[in-house]
Protein backbone atom coordinates (compact mmCIF):
# COMPACT_ATOMS: atom_id res chain seq x y z
CA UNK A 1 0.00 0.00 0.00
CA UNK A 2 1.28 3.44 -0.91
CA UNK A 3 1.93 5.98 1.79
CA UNK A 4 -0.38 8.98 1.56
CA UNK A 5 1.37 12.12 0.39
CA UNK A 6 1.59 14.89 2.94
CA UNK A 7 3.39 17.47 0.83
CA UNK A 8 0.62 18.39 -1.63
CA UNK A 9 -0.34 21.98 -2.29
CA UNK A 10 -3.59 23.16 -0.73
CA UNK A 11 -5.55 26.21 -1.80
CA UNK A 12 -7.11 28.51 0.79
CA UNK A 13 -10.02 30.35 -0.76
CA UNK A 14 -12.73 32.85 0.09
CA UNK A 15 -16.31 32.65 -1.14
CA UNK A 16 -18.46 35.75 -1.14
CA UNK A 17 -22.19 35.14 -1.31
CA UNK A 18 -24.06 38.44 -1.23
CA UNK A 19 -22.63 40.20 1.83
CA UNK A 20 -21.48 37.01 3.55
CA UNK A 21 -18.10 35.30 3.33
CA UNK A 22 -16.68 31.81 3.83
CA UNK A 23 -13.06 30.69 4.03
CA UNK A 24 -12.27 27.18 2.91
CA UNK A 25 -9.53 24.81 1.89
CA UNK A 26 -9.14 22.38 -0.99
CA UNK A 27 -6.37 20.25 -2.50
CA UNK A 28 -4.73 21.86 -5.51
CA UNK A 29 -5.20 20.26 -8.92
CA UNK A 30 -1.67 20.67 -10.28
CA UNK A 31 -0.91 24.35 -10.71
CA UNK A 32 -4.52 25.27 -11.59
CA UNK A 33 -5.34 26.91 -8.25
CA UNK A 34 -8.38 28.91 -9.35
CA UNK A 35 -9.77 25.86 -11.17
CA UNK A 36 -9.29 23.83 -7.98
CA UNK A 37 -11.43 26.37 -6.13
CA UNK A 38 -14.05 26.36 -8.89
CA UNK A 39 -14.36 22.55 -8.61
CA UNK A 40 -14.76 22.88 -4.82
CA UNK A 41 -17.40 25.60 -5.20
CA UNK A 42 -19.35 23.28 -7.52
CA UNK A 43 -19.27 20.63 -4.79
CA UNK A 44 -20.56 23.17 -2.25
CA UNK A 45 -23.40 24.11 -4.64
CA UNK A 46 -24.31 20.50 -5.38
CA UNK A 47 -24.42 19.62 -1.72
CA UNK A 48 -26.48 22.69 -0.85
CA UNK A 49 -29.10 21.76 -3.45
CA UNK A 50 -29.18 17.98 -2.95
CA UNK A 51 -28.88 17.72 0.82
CA UNK A 52 -31.06 19.60 3.25
CA UNK A 53 -28.24 20.61 5.58
CA UNK A 54 -28.99 23.59 7.80
CA UNK A 55 -25.38 24.78 7.65
CA UNK A 56 -24.95 28.52 7.11
CA UNK A 57 -23.04 28.09 3.85
CA UNK A 58 -25.66 25.72 2.40
CA UNK A 59 -28.48 28.08 3.29
CA UNK A 60 -26.61 31.03 1.77
CA UNK A 61 -25.92 29.10 -1.44
CA UNK A 62 -29.58 28.10 -1.76
CA UNK A 63 -30.67 31.71 -1.30
CA UNK A 64 -28.27 33.63 -3.55
CA UNK A 65 -26.77 32.93 -6.97
CA UNK A 66 -24.20 35.74 -6.91
CA UNK A 67 -21.17 33.74 -5.81
CA UNK A 68 -17.65 35.10 -6.11
CA UNK A 69 -14.54 33.19 -5.18
CA UNK A 70 -10.86 33.95 -4.95
CA UNK A 71 -7.62 32.24 -4.03
CA UNK A 72 -6.20 33.63 -0.79
CA UNK A 73 -3.07 31.49 -0.44
CA UNK A 74 -1.44 28.27 -1.55
CA UNK A 75 0.13 26.25 1.28
CA UNK A 76 2.25 23.11 1.00
CA UNK A 77 1.33 20.26 3.32
CA UNK A 78 -1.97 19.25 4.92
CA UNK A 79 -1.15 20.17 8.52
CA UNK A 80 0.25 23.57 7.56
CA UNK A 81 -2.78 24.27 5.35
CA UNK A 82 -5.31 23.41 8.06
CA UNK A 83 -3.39 25.50 10.58
CA UNK A 84 -3.32 28.48 8.19
CA UNK A 85 -7.05 28.05 7.49
CA UNK A 86 -7.78 28.36 11.21
CA UNK A 87 -5.59 31.50 11.37
CA UNK A 88 -7.41 33.12 8.44
CA UNK A 89 -10.81 32.28 9.92
CA UNK A 90 -9.77 33.86 13.23
CA UNK A 91 -8.39 36.92 11.42
CA UNK A 92 -11.26 37.55 8.95
CA UNK A 93 -14.11 36.09 11.02
CA UNK A 94 -16.19 35.07 8.00
CA UNK A 95 -19.91 34.92 8.70
CA UNK A 96 -20.52 31.53 7.01
CA UNK A 97 -17.85 29.50 8.79
CA UNK A 98 -19.47 27.63 11.66
CA UNK A 99 -17.89 25.26 14.13
Foldseek 3Di string as FASTA:
>chain_A
DDDDDFFFKKWWKWKQQPNFIDIDIFTDDPPPRVVRVVVVVVVLLVCLVPPVDPQQSSVSSVVGDPMDMDTDDIDTGDVVRVVVSVVVCVVVVTPRDDD
